[in-house]
Amino acid sequence: MRTDPDIIVNVAETPPQGWMVGSVHVYPVRVYYEDTDVGRVVYYANYLKFAERARTEMLRLIGFPHAEMMERDGRALAVRRCEADYIRPARFDDSLEVHTGSIDLEAASLWIDQRVKRDGDDLVVLRVRLACIGQDGRPARLPARLRTALMALAGAAGQDDSGIIENTLIRERV
């Protein structure tokens, strides 16, 4: 095996949790053989896995790991509804990005828009509703810290008295 001393990979440049571009979280995904069907096309349900990983890593990146919320607040986020529009297929060894943004906050749930992209083109567009649930499995209010962290993504300093955020990708419904 030959190694080239001129090739240096800095893992810190692309953290495993992805990165933020404005208020949109970008999560890189490589399509592995296990993600595909016999034709080496990504199996449709695997896009949901890619999106789940991206949402989890977005929470981690903004300082709110899901496991910490479950332990500290006794609450978890569960998918309540998912709409997916499959536009183009991804294939074995493709380099993809999952873009997560446009968040609508409600008292005990939130809507998140996600896009799986290849070379800037949308492959799958998802709209996901996450319900906040308590340890008993019943709906619970979003933890204040989570709400604050999500609002900070869009610089919620522009919030008006009504609780609606203007000109941002994050909206709070009252």
Protein backbone atom coordinates (compact mmCIF):
# COMPACT_ATOMS: atom_id res chain seq x y z
CA MET A 1 0.00 0.00 0.00
CA ARG A 2 1.39 3.37 -1.02
CA THR A 3 0.83 6.53 0.99
CA ASP A 4 1.31 10.02 -0.35
CA PRO A 5 2.75 12.47 2.22
CA ASP A 6 1.31 15.41 0.23
CA ILE A 7 -2.27 14.26 0.86
CA ILE A 8 -3.44 15.36 4.26
CA VAL A 9 -7.00 14.78 5.41
CA ASN A 10 -8.21 17.04 8.17
CA VAL A 11 -11.19 15.28 9.71
CA ALA A 12 -12.06 18.45 11.66
CA GLU A 13 -12.92 20.20 8.36
CA THR A 14 -15.95 17.97 7.82
CA PRO A 15 -17.34 17.06 11.23
CA PRO A 16 -19.49 13.93 11.34
CA GLN A 17 -22.49 15.97 12.47
CA GLY A 18 -22.40 18.12 9.33
CA TRP A 19 -22.31 21.91 9.19
CA MET A 20 -24.55 24.97 9.03
CA VAL A 21 -25.03 27.19 5.97
CA GLY A 22 -27.00 30.08 7.39
CA SER A 23 -29.96 28.45 9.12
CA VAL A 24 -29.81 25.25 7.04
CA HIS A 25 -28.04 22.17 8.37
CA VAL A 26 -26.09 20.18 5.77
CA TYR A 27 -25.30 16.53 6.45
CA PRO A 28 -23.10 14.53 4.05
CA VAL A 29 -24.05 10.97 3.11
CA ARG A 30 -22.21 8.45 0.95
CA VAL A 31 -24.40 5.75 -0.63
CA TYR A 32 -23.10 2.32 0.30
CA TYR A 33 -23.96 -0.95 -1.39
CA GLU A 34 -26.13 -1.87 1.62
CA ASP A 35 -28.33 1.18 0.88
CA THR A 36 -29.25 -0.04 -2.59
CA ASP A 37 -31.44 -2.62 -4.25
CA VAL A 38 -30.29 -5.17 -6.83
CA GLY A 39 -30.08 -2.40 -9.46
CA ARG A 40 -27.75 -0.37 -7.21
CA VAL A 41 -30.43 2.30 -6.76
CA VAL A 42 -31.08 3.57 -3.23
CA TYR A 43 -34.02 1.72 -1.71
CA TYR A 44 -36.77 4.28 -1.00
CA ALA A 45 -36.93 3.68 2.79
CA ASN A 46 -33.22 4.44 3.17
CA TYR A 47 -33.83 8.11 2.38
CA LEU A 48 -35.84 8.19 5.63
CA LYS A 49 -32.78 6.83 7.45
CA PHE A 50 -30.56 9.48 5.88
CA ALA A 51 -33.04 12.17 6.99
CA GLU A 52 -33.24 10.75 10.53
CA ARG A 53 -29.46 10.82 10.88
CA ALA A 54 -29.37 14.39 9.60
CA ARG A 55 -32.01 15.56 12.10
CA THR A 56 -30.21 13.83 14.96
CA GLU A 57 -26.88 15.36 13.99
CA MET A 58 -28.44 18.81 13.55
CA LEU A 59 -29.68 18.64 17.15
CA ARG A 60 -26.24 17.51 18.30
CA LEU A 61 -24.54 20.33 16.37
CA ILE A 62 -26.72 23.02 17.96
CA GLY A 63 -25.86 21.64 21.40
CA PHE A 64 -28.99 19.60 22.01
CA PRO A 65 -28.27 15.88 21.64
CA HIS A 66 -31.46 13.83 21.53
CA ALA A 67 -30.19 11.38 24.18
CA GLU A 68 -29.53 14.30 26.54
CA MET A 69 -33.07 15.59 26.06
CA MET A 70 -34.48 12.15 26.91
CA GLU A 71 -32.33 11.89 30.04
CA ARG A 72 -32.60 15.47 31.32
CA ASP A 73 -36.12 16.45 30.22
CA GLY A 74 -37.81 13.05 30.02
CA ARG A 75 -38.92 13.89 26.49
CA ALA A 76 -38.22 12.53 23.04
CA LEU A 77 -39.04 13.47 19.47
CA ALA A 78 -40.98 10.91 17.45
CA VAL A 79 -41.98 11.06 13.80
CA ARG A 80 -45.71 11.74 13.67
CA ARG A 81 -46.02 12.29 9.94
CA CYS A 82 -43.72 12.15 6.94
CA GLU A 83 -44.37 13.24 3.37
CA ALA A 84 -41.79 12.29 0.77
CA ASP A 85 -41.59 13.29 -2.87
CA TYR A 86 -39.15 11.04 -4.73
CA ILE A 87 -37.87 13.03 -7.71
CA ARG A 88 -34.70 11.27 -8.92
CA PRO A 89 -32.87 8.15 -7.75
CA ALA A 90 -29.51 8.07 -6.01
CA ARG A 91 -27.14 5.25 -6.86
CA PHE A 92 -24.36 3.23 -5.28
CA ASP A 93 -21.33 5.38 -4.33
CA ASP A 94 -23.11 8.72 -4.87
CA SER A 95 -22.12 11.55 -2.57
CA LEU A 96 -25.28 13.15 -1.20
CA GLU A 97 -26.20 15.94 1.18
CA VAL A 98 -29.27 16.15 3.39
CA HIS A 99 -30.34 19.78 3.87
CA THR A 100 -32.52 20.42 6.92
CA GLY A 101 -34.25 23.74 7.44
CA SER A 102 -37.54 25.63 7.37
CA ILE A 103 -38.71 24.69 10.84
CA ASP A 104 -42.24 25.45 12.07
CA LEU A 105 -42.46 25.29 15.87
CA GLU A 106 -45.67 24.43 17.68
CA ALA A 107 -46.28 23.84 21.39
CA ALA A 108 -45.69 20.07 21.36
CA SER A 109 -44.44 19.43 17.83
CA LEU A 110 -42.47 20.84 14.95
CA TRP A 111 -42.37 20.53 11.19
CA ILE A 112 -39.03 20.23 9.42
CA ASP A 113 -38.34 20.35 5.69
CA GLN A 114 -35.50 18.19 4.41
CA ARG A 115 -34.00 17.75 0.96
CA VAL A 116 -31.68 14.97 -0.15
CA LYS A 117 -29.43 16.46 -2.83
CA ARG A 118 -26.79 15.34 -5.28
CA ASP A 119 -24.65 18.02 -6.90
CA GLY A 120 -27.17 20.65 -5.83
CA ASP A 121 -30.17 18.87 -7.39
CA ASP A 122 -33.09 17.65 -5.27
CA LEU A 123 -33.53 13.90 -5.28
CA VAL A 124 -36.05 13.60 -2.45
CA VAL A 125 -38.02 16.33 -0.69
CA LEU A 126 -39.38 15.49 2.76
CA ARG A 127 -41.73 17.27 5.15
CA VAL A 128 -41.56 15.70 8.60
CA ARG A 129 -43.69 16.40 11.66
CA LEU A 130 -41.98 15.51 14.92
CA ALA A 131 -44.08 15.14 18.04
CA CYS A 132 -42.58 15.75 21.44
CA ILE A 133 -43.58 12.95 23.80
CA GLY A 134 -43.04 12.35 27.50
CA GLN A 135 -41.90 9.13 29.12
CA ASP A 136 -45.52 7.98 29.20
CA GLY A 137 -45.72 8.29 25.40
CA ARG A 138 -48.20 11.16 25.57
CA PRO A 139 -47.70 14.56 23.90
CA ALA A 140 -45.56 16.98 25.89
CA ARG A 141 -44.47 20.58 25.32
CA LEU A 142 -41.16 21.09 23.57
CA PRO A 143 -38.46 21.75 26.17
CA ALA A 144 -37.72 25.48 26.45
CA ARG A 145 -34.02 24.85 25.81
CA LEU A 146 -34.79 23.04 22.56
CA ARG A 147 -37.14 25.82 21.43
CA THR A 148 -34.42 28.40 22.22
CA ALA A 149 -31.76 26.41 20.36
CA LEU A 150 -33.96 26.06 17.27
CA MET A 151 -34.94 29.73 17.36
CA ALA A 152 -31.26 30.69 17.55
CA LEU A 153 -30.69 29.00 14.19
CA ALA A 154 -32.49 31.84 12.50
CA GLY A 155 -31.39 34.63 14.82
CA ALA A 156 -34.73 34.92 16.54
CA ALA A 157 -33.84 38.35 17.89
CA GLY A 158 -36.25 39.65 15.26
CA GLN A 159 -39.22 38.07 17.01
CA ASP A 160 -42.14 40.44 17.40
CA ASP A 161 -44.70 40.62 20.22
CA SER A 162 -46.99 38.08 18.52
CA GLY A 163 -44.37 35.32 18.72
CA ILE A 164 -44.11 35.09 14.93
CA ILE A 165 -40.62 35.34 13.47
CA GLU A 166 -40.45 37.38 10.29
CA ASN A 167 -38.11 36.74 7.37
CA THR A 168 -36.54 33.58 8.74
CA LEU A 169 -36.67 29.91 7.97
CA ILE A 170 -37.91 29.16 11.47
CA ARG A 171 -41.47 30.07 12.35
CA GLU A 172 -43.19 29.75 15.67
CA ARG A 173 -46.92 29.18 15.70
CA VAL A 174 -48.84 30.56 18.63
